[in-house]
């Protein structure tokens, strides 16, 4: 239960960070000073997907 809660919180935090970083860089250049290109956006999406898969595997409860 604790692992599931922690992994859900970590996944939500990662998703929130990616969304803030993506939109912050794309629409508010003054905030970060850099603008993401398509490759960086795809890299972040792949990273989020892989992290989500890893967290899902870690969060599986094998107890009966």
PDB file of N, CA and C in Angstrom:
ATOM      1  N   UNK A   1       0.825  -1.195   0.000  1.00  0.00           N
ATOM      2  CA  UNK A   1       0.000   0.000   0.000  1.00  0.00           C
ATOM      3  C   UNK A   1       0.866   1.256   0.000  1.00  0.00           C
ATOM      4  N   UNK A   2       1.905   1.236   0.842  1.00  0.00           N
ATOM      5  CA  UNK A   2       2.791   2.392   0.903  1.00  0.00           C
ATOM      6  C   UNK A   2       3.550   2.547  -0.407  1.00  0.00           C
ATOM      7  N   UNK A   3       3.959   1.418  -0.988  1.00  0.00           N
ATOM      8  CA  UNK A   3       4.695   1.472  -2.252  1.00  0.00           C
ATOM      9  C   UNK A   3       3.797   2.002  -3.361  1.00  0.00           C
ATOM     10  N   UNK A   4       2.544   1.564  -3.385  1.00  0.00           N
ATOM     11  CA  UNK A   4       1.614   2.050  -4.400  1.00  0.00           C
ATOM     12  C   UNK A   4       1.378   3.545  -4.248  1.00  0.00           C
ATOM     13  N   UNK A   5       1.198   4.004  -3.013  1.00  0.00           N
ATOM     14  CA  UNK A   5       0.960   5.422  -2.769  1.00  0.00           C
ATOM     15  C   UNK A   5       2.179   6.236  -3.169  1.00  0.00           C
ATOM     16  N   UNK A   6       3.366   5.755  -2.788  1.00  0.00           N
ATOM     17  CA  UNK A   6       4.591   6.468  -3.121  1.00  0.00           C
ATOM     18  C   UNK A   6       4.814   6.514  -4.628  1.00  0.00           C
ATOM     19  N   UNK A   7       4.575   5.401  -5.322  1.00  0.00           N
ATOM     20  CA  UNK A   7       4.785   5.377  -6.766  1.00  0.00           C
ATOM     21  C   UNK A   7       3.762   6.261  -7.481  1.00  0.00           C
ATOM     22  N   UNK A   8       2.535   6.300  -6.966  1.00  0.00           N
ATOM     23  CA  UNK A   8       1.528   7.182  -7.565  1.00  0.00           C
ATOM     24  C   UNK A   8       1.916   8.641  -7.374  1.00  0.00           C
ATOM     25  N   UNK A   9       2.407   8.982  -6.185  1.00  0.00           N
ATOM     26  CA  UNK A   9       2.832  10.356  -5.935  1.00  0.00           C
ATOM     27  C   UNK A   9       4.023  10.718  -6.805  1.00  0.00           C
ATOM     28  N   UNK A  10       4.970   9.798  -6.943  1.00  0.00           N
ATOM     29  CA  UNK A  10       6.150  10.055  -7.761  1.00  0.00           C
ATOM     30  C   UNK A  10       5.771  10.200  -9.233  1.00  0.00           C
ATOM     31  N   UNK A  11       4.860   9.346  -9.706  1.00  0.00           N
ATOM     32  CA  UNK A  11       4.402   9.451 -11.083  1.00  0.00           C
ATOM     33  C   UNK A  11       3.672  10.750 -11.350  1.00  0.00           C
ATOM     34  N   UNK A  12       2.836  11.182 -10.406  1.00  0.00           N
ATOM     35  CA  UNK A  12       2.125  12.444 -10.565  1.00  0.00           C
ATOM     36  C   UNK A  12       3.097  13.618 -10.549  1.00  0.00           C
ATOM     37  N   UNK A  13       4.102  13.546  -9.688  1.00  0.00           N
ATOM     38  CA  UNK A  13       5.102  14.615  -9.625  1.00  0.00           C
ATOM     39  C   UNK A  13       5.903  14.693 -10.923  1.00  0.00           C
ATOM     40  N   UNK A  14       6.285  13.535 -11.455  1.00  0.00           N
ATOM     41  CA  UNK A  14       7.023  13.510 -12.711  1.00  0.00           C
ATOM     42  C   UNK A  14       6.178  14.062 -13.854  1.00  0.00           C
ATOM     43  N   UNK A  15       4.913  13.658 -13.912  1.00  0.00           N
ATOM     44  CA  UNK A  15       4.020  14.155 -14.955  1.00  0.00           C
ATOM     45  C   UNK A  15       3.841  15.663 -14.843  1.00  0.00           C
ATOM     46  N   UNK A  16       3.640  16.149 -13.612  1.00  0.00           N
ATOM     47  CA  UNK A  16       3.477  17.591 -13.407  1.00  0.00           C
ATOM     48  C   UNK A  16       4.741  18.341 -13.817  1.00  0.00           C
ATOM     49  N   UNK A  17       5.917  17.792 -13.482  1.00  0.00           N
ATOM     50  CA  UNK A  17       7.164  18.460 -13.844  1.00  0.00           C
ATOM     51  C   UNK A  17       7.332  18.517 -15.361  1.00  0.00           C
ATOM     52  N   UNK A  18       7.003  17.414 -16.046  1.00  0.00           N
ATOM     53  CA  UNK A  18       7.138  17.390 -17.499  1.00  0.00           C
ATOM     54  C   UNK A  18       6.188  18.392 -18.140  1.00  0.00           C
ATOM     55  N   UNK A  19       4.944  18.450 -17.644  1.00  0.00           N
ATOM     56  CA  UNK A  19       3.978  19.395 -18.213  1.00  0.00           C
ATOM     57  C   UNK A  19       4.427  20.825 -17.980  1.00  0.00           C
ATOM     58  N   UNK A  20       4.855  21.133 -16.755  1.00  0.00           N
ATOM     59  CA  UNK A  20       5.300  22.497 -16.444  1.00  0.00           C
ATOM     60  C   UNK A  20       6.525  22.851 -17.273  1.00  0.00           C
ATOM     61  N   UNK A  21       7.475  21.913 -17.380  1.00  0.00           N
ATOM     62  CA  UNK A  21       8.695  22.181 -18.135  1.00  0.00           C
ATOM     63  C   UNK A  21       8.386  22.353 -19.618  1.00  0.00           C
ATOM     64  N   UNK A  22       7.534  21.484 -20.137  1.00  0.00           N
ATOM     65  CA  UNK A  22       7.190  21.534 -21.558  1.00  0.00           C
ATOM     66  C   UNK A  22       6.508  22.857 -21.907  1.00  0.00           C
ATOM     67  N   UNK A  23       5.431  23.179 -21.172  1.00  0.00           N
ATOM     68  CA  UNK A  23       4.700  24.390 -21.493  1.00  0.00           C
ATOM     69  C   UNK A  23       5.474  25.634 -21.077  1.00  0.00           C
ATOM     70  N   UNK A  24       6.251  25.522 -20.012  1.00  0.00           N
ATOM     71  CA  UNK A  24       7.064  26.659 -19.593  1.00  0.00           C
ATOM     72  C   UNK A  24       8.104  27.023 -20.629  1.00  0.00           C
ATOM     73  N   UNK A  25       8.737  26.006 -21.195  1.00  0.00           N
ATOM     74  CA  UNK A  25       9.760  26.270 -22.202  1.00  0.00           C
ATOM     75  C   UNK A  25       9.137  26.701 -23.520  1.00  0.00           C
ATOM     76  N   UNK A  26       7.991  26.155 -23.843  1.00  0.00           N
ATOM     77  CA  UNK A  26       7.417  26.422 -25.152  1.00  0.00           C
ATOM     78  C   UNK A  26       6.725  27.789 -25.206  1.00  0.00           C
ATOM     79  N   UNK A  27       6.016  28.145 -24.141  1.00  0.00           N
ATOM     80  CA  UNK A  27       5.204  29.354 -24.189  1.00  0.00           C
ATOM     81  C   UNK A  27       5.785  30.506 -23.387  1.00  0.00           C
ATOM     82  N   UNK A  28       6.706  30.239 -22.474  1.00  0.00           N
ATOM     83  CA  UNK A  28       7.310  31.301 -21.676  1.00  0.00           C
ATOM     84  C   UNK A  28       8.819  31.194 -21.777  1.00  0.00           C
ATOM     85  N   UNK A  29       9.361  31.694 -22.878  1.00  0.00           N
ATOM     86  CA  UNK A  29      10.797  31.571 -23.087  1.00  0.00           C
ATOM     87  C   UNK A  29      11.585  32.315 -22.034  1.00  0.00           C
ATOM     88  N   UNK A  30      11.006  33.360 -21.465  1.00  0.00           N
ATOM     89  CA  UNK A  30      11.715  34.131 -20.446  1.00  0.00           C
ATOM     90  C   UNK A  30      11.909  33.320 -19.177  1.00  0.00           C
ATOM     91  N   UNK A  31      11.055  32.287 -18.972  1.00  0.00           N
ATOM     92  CA  UNK A  31      11.108  31.517 -17.725  1.00  0.00           C
ATOM     93  C   UNK A  31      12.331  30.602 -17.701  1.00  0.00           C
ATOM     94  N   UNK A  32      12.641  29.972 -18.786  1.00  0.00           N
ATOM     95  CA  UNK A  32      13.738  29.007 -18.791  1.00  0.00           C
ATOM     96  C   UNK A  32      14.910  29.443 -19.664  1.00  0.00           C
ATOM     97  N   UNK A  33      14.639  30.275 -20.648  1.00  0.00           N
ATOM     98  CA  UNK A  33      15.711  30.729 -21.524  1.00  0.00           C
ATOM     99  C   UNK A  33      15.982  29.792 -22.688  1.00  0.00           C
ATOM    100  N   UNK A  34      15.350  28.623 -22.701  1.00  0.00           N
ATOM    101  CA  UNK A  34      15.521  27.695 -23.813  1.00  0.00           C
ATOM    102  C   UNK A  34      14.159  27.252 -24.303  1.00  0.00           C
ATOM    103  N   UNK A  35      14.113  26.885 -25.551  1.00  0.00           N
ATOM    104  CA  UNK A  35      12.863  26.377 -26.110  1.00  0.00           C
ATOM    105  C   UNK A  35      13.084  24.933 -26.559  1.00  0.00           C
ATOM    106  N   UNK A  36      12.169  24.072 -26.172  1.00  0.00           N
ATOM    107  CA  UNK A  36      12.307  22.666 -26.537  1.00  0.00           C
ATOM    108  C   UNK A  36      12.019  22.477 -28.019  1.00  0.00           C
ATOM    109  N   UNK A  37      12.825  21.660 -28.655  1.00  0.00           N
ATOM    110  CA  UNK A  37      12.524  21.283 -30.027  1.00  0.00           C
ATOM    111  C   UNK A  37      11.777  19.950 -30.008  1.00  0.00           C
ATOM    112  N   UNK A  38      11.471  19.447 -31.182  1.00  0.00           N
ATOM    113  CA  UNK A  38      10.673  18.219 -31.265  1.00  0.00           C
ATOM    114  C   UNK A  38      11.412  17.029 -30.650  1.00  0.00           C
ATOM    115  N   UNK A  39      12.727  16.978 -30.825  1.00  0.00           N
ATOM    116  CA  UNK A  39      13.489  15.849 -30.289  1.00  0.00           C
ATOM    117  C   UNK A  39      13.462  15.844 -28.760  1.00  0.00           C
ATOM    118  N   UNK A  40      13.580  17.017 -28.153  1.00  0.00           N
ATOM    119  CA  UNK A  40      13.544  17.088 -26.697  1.00  0.00           C
ATOM    120  C   UNK A  40      12.166  16.705 -26.164  1.00  0.00           C
ATOM    121  N   UNK A  41      11.124  17.143 -26.854  1.00  0.00           N
ATOM    122  CA  UNK A  41       9.773  16.791 -26.431  1.00  0.00           C
ATOM    123  C   UNK A  41       9.561  15.286 -26.521  1.00  0.00           C
ATOM    124  N   UNK A  42      10.011  14.667 -27.600  1.00  0.00           N
ATOM    125  CA  UNK A  42       9.860  13.228 -27.759  1.00  0.00           C
ATOM    126  C   UNK A  42      10.683  12.484 -26.706  1.00  0.00           C
ATOM    127  N   UNK A  43      11.859  13.005 -26.405  1.00  0.00           N
ATOM    128  CA  UNK A  43      12.688  12.386 -25.371  1.00  0.00           C
ATOM    129  C   UNK A  43      11.979  12.419 -24.025  1.00  0.00           C
ATOM    130  N   UNK A  44      11.362  13.558 -23.689  1.00  0.00           N
ATOM    131  CA  UNK A  44      10.642  13.663 -22.420  1.00  0.00           C
ATOM    132  C   UNK A  44       9.450  12.719 -22.392  1.00  0.00           C
ATOM    133  N   UNK A  45       8.736  12.576 -23.509  1.00  0.00           N
ATOM    134  CA  UNK A  45       7.594  11.672 -23.547  1.00  0.00           C
ATOM    135  C   UNK A  45       8.033  10.222 -23.378  1.00  0.00           C
ATOM    136  N   UNK A  46       9.133   9.837 -24.040  1.00  0.00           N
ATOM    137  CA  UNK A  46       9.648   8.472 -23.903  1.00  0.00           C
ATOM    138  C   UNK A  46      10.110   8.227 -22.467  1.00  0.00           C
ATOM    139  N   UNK A  47      10.789   9.229 -21.878  1.00  0.00           N
ATOM    140  CA  UNK A  47      11.242   9.095 -20.505  1.00  0.00           C
ATOM    141  C   UNK A  47      10.062   8.930 -19.555  1.00  0.00           C
ATOM    142  N   UNK A  48       9.001   9.700 -19.775  1.00  0.00           N
ATOM    143  CA  UNK A  48       7.809   9.595 -18.928  1.00  0.00           C
ATOM    144  C   UNK A  48       7.155   8.219 -19.081  1.00  0.00           C
ATOM    145  N   UNK A  49       7.098   7.707 -20.309  1.00  0.00           N
ATOM    146  CA  UNK A  49       6.490   6.404 -20.558  1.00  0.00           C
ATOM    147  C   UNK A  49       7.276   5.289 -19.882  1.00  0.00           C
ATOM    148  N   UNK A  50       8.592   5.309 -20.034  1.00  0.00           N
ATOM    149  CA  UNK A  50       9.437   4.271 -19.441  1.00  0.00           C
ATOM    150  C   UNK A  50       9.367   4.345 -17.916  1.00  0.00           C
ATOM    151  N   UNK A  51       9.398   5.577 -17.376  1.00  0.00           N
ATOM    152  CA  UNK A  51       9.307   5.731 -15.927  1.00  0.00           C
ATOM    153  C   UNK A  51       7.967   5.232 -15.409  1.00  0.00           C
ATOM    154  N   UNK A  52       6.906   5.515 -16.150  1.00  0.00           N
ATOM    155  CA  UNK A  52       5.589   5.018 -15.769  1.00  0.00           C
ATOM    156  C   UNK A  52       5.536   3.497 -15.757  1.00  0.00           C
ATOM    157  N   UNK A  53       6.155   2.866 -16.758  1.00  0.00           N
ATOM    158  CA  UNK A  53       6.183   1.402 -16.787  1.00  0.00           C
ATOM    159  C   UNK A  53       6.960   0.837 -15.607  1.00  0.00           C
ATOM    160  N   UNK A  54       8.114   1.443 -15.298  1.00  0.00           N
ATOM    161  CA  UNK A  54       8.927   0.968 -14.182  1.00  0.00           C
ATOM    162  C   UNK A  54       8.175   1.126 -12.867  1.00  0.00           C
ATOM    163  N   UNK A  55       7.528   2.284 -12.682  1.00  0.00           N
ATOM    164  CA  UNK A  55       6.768   2.503 -11.446  1.00  0.00           C
ATOM    165  C   UNK A  55       5.597   1.542 -11.345  1.00  0.00           C
ATOM    166  N   UNK A  56       4.981   1.213 -12.472  1.00  0.00           N
ATOM    167  CA  UNK A  56       3.855   0.277 -12.447  1.00  0.00           C
ATOM    168  C   UNK A  56       4.321  -1.118 -12.047  1.00  0.00           C
ATOM    169  N   UNK A  57       5.473  -1.532 -12.550  1.00  0.00           N
ATOM    170  CA  UNK A  57       6.016  -2.838 -12.170  1.00  0.00           C
ATOM    171  C   UNK A  57       6.389  -2.844 -10.693  1.00  0.00           C
ATOM    172  N   UNK A  58       7.010  -1.763 -10.221  1.00  0.00           N
ATOM    173  CA  UNK A  58       7.402  -1.693  -8.822  1.00  0.00           C
ATOM    174  C   UNK A  58       6.198  -1.642  -7.897  1.00  0.00           C
ATOM    175  N   UNK A  59       5.082  -1.090  -8.381  1.00  0.00           N
ATOM    176  CA  UNK A  59       3.914  -0.908  -7.530  1.00  0.00           C
ATOM    177  C   UNK A  59       3.026  -2.148  -7.467  1.00  0.00           C
ATOM    178  N   UNK A  60       3.324  -3.163  -8.267  1.00  0.00           N
ATOM    179  CA  UNK A  60       2.492  -4.372  -8.253  1.00  0.00           C
ATOM    180  C   UNK A  60       2.619  -5.065  -6.906  1.00  0.00           C
ATOM    181  N   UNK A  61       1.477  -5.420  -6.376  1.00  0.00           N
ATOM    182  CA  UNK A  61       1.450  -6.084  -5.071  1.00  0.00           C
ATOM    183  C   UNK A  61       1.333  -7.588  -5.290  1.00  0.00           C
ATOM    184  N   UNK A  62       2.375  -8.319  -4.897  1.00  0.00           N
ATOM    185  CA  UNK A  62       2.396  -9.772  -5.116  1.00  0.00           C
ATOM    186  C   UNK A  62       1.809 -10.546  -3.938  1.00  0.00           C
ATOM    187  N   UNK A  63       1.438  -9.861  -2.877  1.00  0.00           N
ATOM    188  CA  UNK A  63       0.891 -10.572  -1.728  1.00  0.00           C
ATOM    189  C   UNK A  63      -0.514 -11.070  -2.032  1.00  0.00           C
ATOM    190  N   UNK A  64      -0.900 -12.205  -1.494  1.00  0.00           N
ATOM    191  CA  UNK A  64      -2.216 -12.788  -1.789  1.00  0.00           C
ATOM    192  C   UNK A  64      -3.349 -11.982  -1.147  1.00  0.00           C
TER     193      UNK A  64
END
